[in-house]
Amino acid sequence: MSDDIRPEDEGPVFRDKRRIDPETGEARQSPADAQAAAEQAAAETTEQAADAGAEAPAPAPASDDLSAEDRALLEGEAERLAAEQASFDAQIAVAKDEVRRLQAEYVNYRNRVERERAADKVATTASVLSALLPALDDLDRAEQHGDLEGSPLAIVAQKLRGSIAGLGLEAVGVVGEPFDTAVHEAIAQLPNPEVTEMVVADVVQRGYRIGERLVRPAKVAVFVPAGE
């Protein structure tokens, strides 16, 4: 006969299925309910720990806690950033100077173009009006001889002179004004004891100018002081 004790030889097994504990008077939990409650409690504990970790900021390392190597790295980084900022400021200053230089060059260029354009306009107008000067000379001679007075040609002469004056053409050379080599061309000199300087005695042919540009000098006879 075997010495092993079989379960059926241990005697009857009694299981207490009462839902109220007779000793404590509290409701009993089934093993399944107890396991579910334990799992829920563990989940809540894990969630609370995660929330606490997310809300609590990570403590910044105190400067006293930095090692000498870390402190040297921070100082080096600060120096590098300062050097980059200084270089950037220098580049901005150079760019501003370049912009100001370009602006000045543009203003000078624009002024030069405007001057050249105005000079070209005057030169073109002078060239066109030069072709009309012989007609003006004929009108002047006719007027000196009295041929214009009371004739239909007088109205034509008036309109022509008005149109030419509107283009900026001005006559130069007036009897009695000081002789000026810039606008006068002397074709005769007449000694006169009553003058102390050269004076226009007669205008043989009118001169003309447009602005500061002389189109044709006036041909004049001049009085000169006697004895010169």
C-alpha atoms as a PDB file:
ATOM      1  CA  MET A   1       0.000   0.000   0.000  1.00  0.00           C
ATOM      2  CA  SER A   2       1.414   3.451  -0.981  1.00  0.00           C
ATOM      3  CA  ASP A   3       2.392   5.924   1.719  1.00  0.00           C
ATOM      4  CA  ASP A   4       1.150   8.897  -0.431  1.00  0.00           C
ATOM      5  CA  ILE A   5      -1.859  10.679   0.910  1.00  0.00           C
ATOM      6  CA  ARG A   6      -4.428  11.365  -1.738  1.00  0.00           C
ATOM      7  CA  PRO A   7      -6.696  14.355  -1.589  1.00  0.00           C
ATOM      8  CA  GLU A   8      -9.732  12.246  -1.063  1.00  0.00           C
ATOM      9  CA  ASP A   9      -8.095  10.886   2.062  1.00  0.00           C
ATOM     10  CA  GLU A  10      -7.744  14.346   3.664  1.00  0.00           C
ATOM     11  CA  GLY A  11     -11.369  14.545   4.612  1.00  0.00           C
ATOM     12  CA  PRO A  12     -14.189  16.801   3.527  1.00  0.00           C
ATOM     13  CA  VAL A  13     -13.469  20.497   2.525  1.00  0.00           C
ATOM     14  CA  PHE A  14     -15.846  23.241   3.685  1.00  0.00           C
ATOM     15  CA  ARG A  15     -16.026  26.628   1.845  1.00  0.00           C
ATOM     16  CA  ASP A  16     -17.565  29.653   3.585  1.00  0.00           C
ATOM     17  CA  LYS A  17     -19.738  31.374   0.998  1.00  0.00           C
ATOM     18  CA  ARG A  18     -21.387  33.830   3.358  1.00  0.00           C
ATOM     19  CA  ARG A  19     -21.369  37.432   1.987  1.00  0.00           C
ATOM     20  CA  ILE A  20     -21.150  38.954   5.484  1.00  0.00           C
ATOM     21  CA  ASP A  21     -18.067  38.313   7.556  1.00  0.00           C
ATOM     22  CA  PRO A  22     -19.358  36.939  10.897  1.00  0.00           C
ATOM     23  CA  GLU A  23     -16.379  38.356  12.789  1.00  0.00           C
ATOM     24  CA  THR A  24     -16.215  41.954  11.360  1.00  0.00           C
ATOM     25  CA  GLY A  25     -19.808  42.334  10.163  1.00  0.00           C
ATOM     26  CA  GLU A  26     -18.606  43.862   6.831  1.00  0.00           C
ATOM     27  CA  ALA A  27     -19.558  42.731   3.327  1.00  0.00           C
ATOM     28  CA  ARG A  28     -17.153  40.354   1.771  1.00  0.00           C
ATOM     29  CA  GLN A  29     -15.724  40.849  -1.815  1.00  0.00           C
ATOM     30  CA  SER A  30     -15.434  38.082  -4.252  1.00  0.00           C
ATOM     31  CA  PRO A  31     -11.931  37.367  -5.553  1.00  0.00           C
ATOM     32  CA  ALA A  32     -12.865  38.859  -8.934  1.00  0.00           C
ATOM     33  CA  ASP A  33     -14.162  42.068  -7.321  1.00  0.00           C
ATOM     34  CA  ALA A  34     -11.052  42.338  -5.179  1.00  0.00           C
ATOM     35  CA  GLN A  35      -8.775  41.974  -8.210  1.00  0.00           C
ATOM     36  CA  ALA A  36     -10.769  44.584 -10.170  1.00  0.00           C
ATOM     37  CA  ALA A  37     -10.575  47.038  -7.263  1.00  0.00           C
ATOM     38  CA  ALA A  38      -6.824  46.494  -6.960  1.00  0.00           C
ATOM     39  CA  GLU A  39      -6.293  47.098 -10.679  1.00  0.00           C
ATOM     40  CA  GLN A  40      -8.372  50.305 -10.592  1.00  0.00           C
ATOM     41  CA  ALA A  41      -6.440  51.602  -7.576  1.00  0.00           C
ATOM     42  CA  ALA A  42      -3.152  50.869  -9.312  1.00  0.00           C
ATOM     43  CA  ALA A  43      -4.313  52.688 -12.474  1.00  0.00           C
ATOM     44  CA  GLU A  44      -5.404  55.737 -10.465  1.00  0.00           C
ATOM     45  CA  THR A  45      -2.069  55.802  -8.645  1.00  0.00           C
ATOM     46  CA  THR A  46      -0.163  55.659 -11.966  1.00  0.00           C
ATOM     47  CA  GLU A  47      -2.297  58.451 -13.487  1.00  0.00           C
ATOM     48  CA  GLN A  48      -1.808  60.708 -10.448  1.00  0.00           C
ATOM     49  CA  ALA A  49       1.930  60.164 -10.580  1.00  0.00           C
ATOM     50  CA  ALA A  50       1.992  61.040 -14.312  1.00  0.00           C
ATOM     51  CA  ASP A  51      -0.048  64.223 -13.730  1.00  0.00           C
ATOM     52  CA  ALA A  52       2.212  65.271 -10.902  1.00  0.00           C
ATOM     53  CA  GLY A  53       5.263  64.756 -13.091  1.00  0.00           C
ATOM     54  CA  ALA A  54       3.781  66.820 -15.960  1.00  0.00           C
ATOM     55  CA  GLU A  55       2.695  69.717 -13.747  1.00  0.00           C
ATOM     56  CA  ALA A  56       5.861  69.972 -11.733  1.00  0.00           C
ATOM     57  CA  PRO A  57       8.545  71.813 -13.783  1.00  0.00           C
ATOM     58  CA  ALA A  58      11.949  70.341 -13.872  1.00  0.00           C
ATOM     59  CA  PRO A  59      14.136  72.192 -11.431  1.00  0.00           C
ATOM     60  CA  ALA A  60      16.649  74.440 -13.147  1.00  0.00           C
ATOM     61  CA  PRO A  61      20.175  73.666 -12.258  1.00  0.00           C
ATOM     62  CA  ALA A  62      21.572  76.235  -9.913  1.00  0.00           C
ATOM     63  CA  SER A  63      24.667  78.073 -11.032  1.00  0.00           C
ATOM     64  CA  ASP A  64      26.471  76.763  -8.008  1.00  0.00           C
ATOM     65  CA  ASP A  65      25.721  73.242  -9.197  1.00  0.00           C
ATOM     66  CA  LEU A  66      27.466  73.831 -12.559  1.00  0.00           C
ATOM     67  CA  SER A  67      30.848  72.329 -12.992  1.00  0.00           C
ATOM     68  CA  ALA A  68      33.806  74.412 -14.079  1.00  0.00           C
ATOM     69  CA  GLU A  69      33.625  72.831 -17.529  1.00  0.00           C
ATOM     70  CA  ASP A  70      29.929  73.699 -17.957  1.00  0.00           C
ATOM     71  CA  ARG A  71      30.521  77.239 -16.714  1.00  0.00           C
ATOM     72  CA  ALA A  72      33.366  77.669 -19.210  1.00  0.00           C
ATOM     73  CA  LEU A  73      31.125  76.397 -22.014  1.00  0.00           C
ATOM     74  CA  LEU A  74      28.396  78.902 -21.089  1.00  0.00           C
ATOM     75  CA  GLU A  75      30.862  81.773 -20.981  1.00  0.00           C
ATOM     76  CA  GLY A  76      32.305  80.752 -24.336  1.00  0.00           C
ATOM     77  CA  GLU A  77      28.838  80.601 -25.869  1.00  0.00           C
ATOM     78  CA  ALA A  78      28.028  84.077 -24.503  1.00  0.00           C
ATOM     79  CA  GLU A  79      31.239  85.473 -25.996  1.00  0.00           C
ATOM     80  CA  ARG A  80      30.473  83.845 -29.339  1.00  0.00           C
ATOM     81  CA  LEU A  81      26.977  85.356 -29.416  1.00  0.00           C
ATOM     82  CA  ALA A  82      28.360  88.787 -28.501  1.00  0.00           C
ATOM     83  CA  ALA A  83      30.938  88.551 -31.305  1.00  0.00           C
ATOM     84  CA  GLU A  84      28.244  87.538 -33.809  1.00  0.00           C
ATOM     85  CA  GLN A  85      26.072  90.477 -32.718  1.00  0.00           C
ATOM     86  CA  ALA A  86      28.991  92.899 -33.127  1.00  0.00           C
ATOM     87  CA  SER A  87      29.717  91.504 -36.596  1.00  0.00           C
ATOM     88  CA  PHE A  88      26.047  91.807 -37.533  1.00  0.00           C
ATOM     89  CA  ASP A  89      25.937  95.435 -36.336  1.00  0.00           C
ATOM     90  CA  ALA A  90      29.057  96.217 -38.379  1.00  0.00           C
ATOM     91  CA  GLN A  91      27.500  94.690 -41.496  1.00  0.00           C
ATOM     92  CA  ILE A  92      24.347  96.768 -40.977  1.00  0.00           C
ATOM     93  CA  ALA A  93      26.449  99.943 -40.657  1.00  0.00           C
ATOM     94  CA  VAL A  94      28.300  99.119 -43.895  1.00  0.00           C
ATOM     95  CA  ALA A  95      24.993  98.415 -45.684  1.00  0.00           C
ATOM     96  CA  LYS A  96      23.551 101.750 -44.506  1.00  0.00           C
ATOM     97  CA  ASP A  97      26.633 103.607 -45.759  1.00  0.00           C
ATOM     98  CA  GLU A  98      26.312 101.837 -49.106  1.00  0.00           C
ATOM     99  CA  VAL A  99      22.631 102.795 -49.368  1.00  0.00           C
ATOM    100  CA  ARG A 100      23.430 106.441 -48.584  1.00  0.00           C
ATOM    101  CA  ARG A 101      26.217 106.432 -51.179  1.00  0.00           C
ATOM    102  CA  LEU A 102      23.899 104.960 -53.813  1.00  0.00           C
ATOM    103  CA  GLN A 103      21.227 107.527 -52.977  1.00  0.00           C
ATOM    104  CA  ALA A 104      23.732 110.362 -53.373  1.00  0.00           C
ATOM    105  CA  GLU A 105      24.937 108.945 -56.693  1.00  0.00           C
ATOM    106  CA  TYR A 106      21.353 108.633 -57.898  1.00  0.00           C
ATOM    107  CA  VAL A 107      20.572 112.250 -56.946  1.00  0.00           C
ATOM    108  CA  ASN A 108      23.711 113.457 -58.735  1.00  0.00           C
ATOM    109  CA  TYR A 109      22.856 111.338 -61.771  1.00  0.00           C
ATOM    110  CA  ARG A 110      19.294 112.652 -61.872  1.00  0.00           C
ATOM    111  CA  ASN A 111      20.470 116.262 -61.582  1.00  0.00           C
ATOM    112  CA  ARG A 112      23.053 115.727 -64.321  1.00  0.00           C
ATOM    113  CA  VAL A 113      20.443 114.160 -66.609  1.00  0.00           C
ATOM    114  CA  GLU A 114      18.056 117.047 -65.981  1.00  0.00           C
ATOM    115  CA  ARG A 115      20.783 119.590 -66.741  1.00  0.00           C
ATOM    116  CA  GLU A 116      21.770 117.763 -69.912  1.00  0.00           C
ATOM    117  CA  ARG A 117      18.134 117.485 -70.947  1.00  0.00           C
ATOM    118  CA  ALA A 118      17.598 121.213 -70.393  1.00  0.00           C
ATOM    119  CA  ALA A 119      20.800 122.015 -72.287  1.00  0.00           C
ATOM    120  CA  ASP A 120      19.739 119.776 -75.180  1.00  0.00           C
ATOM    121  CA  LYS A 121      16.350 121.495 -75.273  1.00  0.00           C
ATOM    122  CA  VAL A 122      17.980 124.925 -75.401  1.00  0.00           C
ATOM    123  CA  ALA A 123      20.426 123.788 -78.072  1.00  0.00           C
ATOM    124  CA  THR A 124      17.615 122.369 -80.207  1.00  0.00           C
ATOM    125  CA  THR A 125      15.510 125.520 -79.829  1.00  0.00           C
ATOM    126  CA  ALA A 126      18.502 127.710 -80.640  1.00  0.00           C
ATOM    127  CA  SER A 127      19.251 125.663 -83.733  1.00  0.00           C
ATOM    128  CA  VAL A 128      15.681 126.041 -84.999  1.00  0.00           C
ATOM    129  CA  LEU A 129      15.442 129.760 -84.224  1.00  0.00           C
ATOM    130  CA  SER A 130      18.807 130.449 -85.836  1.00  0.00           C
ATOM    131  CA  ALA A 131      17.209 129.611 -89.145  1.00  0.00           C
ATOM    132  CA  LEU A 132      14.598 132.331 -88.517  1.00  0.00           C
ATOM    133  CA  LEU A 133      17.072 135.109 -87.665  1.00  0.00           C
ATOM    134  CA  PRO A 134      17.487 136.310 -91.278  1.00  0.00           C
ATOM    135  CA  ALA A 135      13.703 136.835 -91.427  1.00  0.00           C
ATOM    136  CA  LEU A 136      13.847 138.855 -88.204  1.00  0.00           C
ATOM    137  CA  ASP A 137      16.703 140.938 -89.650  1.00  0.00           C
ATOM    138  CA  ASP A 138      14.589 141.720 -92.708  1.00  0.00           C
ATOM    139  CA  LEU A 139      11.700 142.802 -90.483  1.00  0.00           C
ATOM    140  CA  ASP A 140      14.049 145.043 -88.505  1.00  0.00           C
ATOM    141  CA  ARG A 141      15.348 146.731 -91.681  1.00  0.00           C
ATOM    142  CA  ALA A 142      11.828 147.158 -93.015  1.00  0.00           C
ATOM    143  CA  GLU A 143      10.783 148.713 -89.731  1.00  0.00           C
ATOM    144  CA  GLN A 144      13.783 151.098 -89.786  1.00  0.00           C
ATOM    145  CA  HIS A 145      12.775 152.274 -93.278  1.00  0.00           C
ATOM    146  CA  GLY A 146       9.124 152.676 -92.281  1.00  0.00           C
ATOM    147  CA  ASP A 147       7.871 149.921 -94.538  1.00  0.00           C
ATOM    148  CA  LEU A 148       5.962 148.135 -91.742  1.00  0.00           C
ATOM    149  CA  GLU A 149       3.942 151.056 -90.448  1.00  0.00           C
ATOM    150  CA  GLY A 150       0.309 150.754 -91.517  1.00  0.00           C
ATOM    151  CA  SER A 151       0.928 147.683 -93.689  1.00  0.00           C
ATOM    152  CA  PRO A 152      -0.500 144.151 -93.281  1.00  0.00           C
ATOM    153  CA  LEU A 153       3.077 142.969 -92.817  1.00  0.00           C
ATOM    154  CA  ALA A 154       3.209 144.771 -89.453  1.00  0.00           C
ATOM    155  CA  ILE A 155       0.669 142.320 -87.989  1.00  0.00           C
ATOM    156  CA  VAL A 156       2.657 139.362 -89.322  1.00  0.00           C
ATOM    157  CA  ALA A 157       5.866 140.783 -87.823  1.00  0.00           C
ATOM    158  CA  GLN A 158       4.167 141.291 -84.459  1.00  0.00           C
ATOM    159  CA  LYS A 159       2.853 137.706 -84.343  1.00  0.00           C
ATOM    160  CA  LEU A 160       6.169 136.242 -85.468  1.00  0.00           C
ATOM    161  CA  ARG A 161       8.139 138.159 -82.841  1.00  0.00           C
ATOM    162  CA  GLY A 162       5.627 137.195 -80.158  1.00  0.00           C
ATOM    163  CA  SER A 163       5.840 133.478 -81.016  1.00  0.00           C
ATOM    164  CA  ILE A 164       9.637 133.554 -81.037  1.00  0.00           C
ATOM    165  CA  ALA A 165       9.720 135.396 -77.714  1.00  0.00           C
ATOM    166  CA  GLY A 166       7.450 132.680 -76.298  1.00  0.00           C
ATOM    167  CA  LEU A 167      10.183 130.150 -77.089  1.00  0.00           C
ATOM    168  CA  GLY A 168      12.617 132.091 -74.898  1.00  0.00           C
ATOM    169  CA  LEU A 169      14.466 134.037 -77.568  1.00  0.00           C
ATOM    170  CA  GLU A 170      15.572 137.482 -76.338  1.00  0.00           C
ATOM    171  CA  ALA A 171      17.158 140.320 -78.305  1.00  0.00           C
ATOM    172  CA  VAL A 172      20.459 141.775 -77.085  1.00  0.00           C
ATOM    173  CA  GLY A 173      22.140 145.020 -78.060  1.00  0.00           C
ATOM    174  CA  VAL A 174      20.654 148.361 -77.050  1.00  0.00           C
ATOM    175  CA  VAL A 175      21.981 151.806 -77.870  1.00  0.00           C
ATOM    176  CA  GLY A 176      23.602 153.445 -74.845  1.00  0.00           C
ATOM    177  CA  GLU A 177      24.454 150.299 -72.874  1.00  0.00           C
ATOM    178  CA  PRO A 178      28.083 149.519 -71.935  1.00  0.00           C
ATOM    179  CA  PHE A 179      29.968 147.509 -74.487  1.00  0.00           C
ATOM    180  CA  ASP A 180      30.230 143.838 -73.432  1.00  0.00           C
ATOM    181  CA  THR A 181      32.377 141.458 -75.424  1.00  0.00           C
ATOM    182  CA  ALA A 182      30.220 138.563 -74.157  1.00  0.00           C
ATOM    183  CA  VAL A 183      27.198 139.752 -76.190  1.00  0.00           C
ATOM    184  CA  HIS A 184      28.510 142.494 -78.502  1.00  0.00           C
ATOM    185  CA  GLU A 185      30.653 142.404 -81.597  1.00  0.00           C
ATOM    186  CA  ALA A 186      32.154 145.819 -82.413  1.00  0.00           C
ATOM    187  CA  ILE A 187      32.299 146.512 -86.153  1.00  0.00           C
ATOM    188  CA  ALA A 188      33.123 150.219 -85.811  1.00  0.00           C
ATOM    189  CA  GLN A 189      34.668 152.472 -83.174  1.00  0.00           C
ATOM    190  CA  LEU A 190      33.753 156.147 -82.949  1.00  0.00           C
ATOM    191  CA  PRO A 191      35.901 158.423 -80.700  1.00  0.00           C
ATOM    192  CA  ASN A 192      33.758 160.538 -78.399  1.00  0.00           C
ATOM    193  CA  PRO A 193      35.152 162.926 -75.762  1.00  0.00           C
ATOM    194  CA  GLU A 194      31.913 162.740 -73.788  1.00  0.00           C
ATOM    195  CA  VAL A 195      32.280 159.066 -72.832  1.00  0.00           C
ATOM    196  CA  THR A 196      34.692 157.540 -70.352  1.00  0.00           C
ATOM    197  CA  GLU A 197      34.087 153.938 -71.397  1.00  0.00           C
ATOM    198  CA  MET A 198      33.053 152.064 -74.496  1.00  0.00           C
ATOM    199  CA  VAL A 199      29.339 152.500 -75.108  1.00  0.00           C
ATOM    200  CA  VAL A 200      27.058 151.106 -77.828  1.00  0.00           C
ATOM    201  CA  ALA A 201      26.496 153.922 -80.328  1.00  0.00           C
ATOM    202  CA  ASP A 202      24.366 152.015 -82.848  1.00  0.00           C
ATOM    203  CA  VAL A 203      23.002 148.502 -83.304  1.00  0.00           C
ATOM    204  CA  VAL A 204      23.747 147.384 -86.833  1.00  0.00           C
ATOM    205  CA  GLN A 205      22.349 143.880 -86.312  1.00  0.00           C
ATOM    206  CA  ARG A 206      20.513 142.601 -83.263  1.00  0.00           C
ATOM    207  CA  GLY A 207      21.909 139.759 -81.274  1.00  0.00           C
ATOM    208  CA  TYR A 208      19.842 137.023 -79.635  1.00  0.00           C
ATOM    209  CA  ARG A 209      20.123 134.614 -76.725  1.00  0.00           C
ATOM    210  CA  ILE A 210      18.075 131.911 -75.024  1.00  0.00           C
ATOM    211  CA  GLY A 211      18.578 131.984 -71.294  1.00  0.00           C
ATOM    212  CA  GLU A 212      22.343 132.030 -70.740  1.00  0.00           C
ATOM    213  CA  ARG A 213      23.085 130.672 -74.215  1.00  0.00           C
ATOM    214  CA  LEU A 214      24.099 133.257 -76.780  1.00  0.00           C
ATOM    215  CA  VAL A 215      22.591 132.441 -80.168  1.00  0.00           C
ATOM    216  CA  ARG A 216      24.218 135.367 -82.028  1.00  0.00           C
ATOM    217  CA  PRO A 217      26.167 138.400 -80.779  1.00  0.00           C
ATOM    218  CA  ALA A 218      24.885 141.853 -81.619  1.00  0.00           C
ATOM    219  CA  LYS A 219      26.891 143.743 -84.225  1.00  0.00           C
ATOM    220  CA  VAL A 220      27.330 147.276 -82.965  1.00  0.00           C
ATOM    221  CA  ALA A 221      29.197 150.522 -83.485  1.00  0.00           C
ATOM    222  CA  VAL A 222      30.675 151.808 -80.229  1.00  0.00           C
ATOM    223  CA  PHE A 223      31.735 155.145 -78.831  1.00  0.00           C
ATOM    224  CA  VAL A 224      35.221 155.088 -77.362  1.00  0.00           C
ATOM    225  CA  PRO A 225      36.790 157.803 -75.196  1.00  0.00           C
ATOM    226  CA  ALA A 226      38.654 160.335 -77.307  1.00  0.00           C
ATOM    227  CA  GLY A 227      42.383 159.770 -77.468  1.00  0.00           C
ATOM    228  CA  GLU A 228      42.174 155.928 -77.351  1.00  0.00           C
END
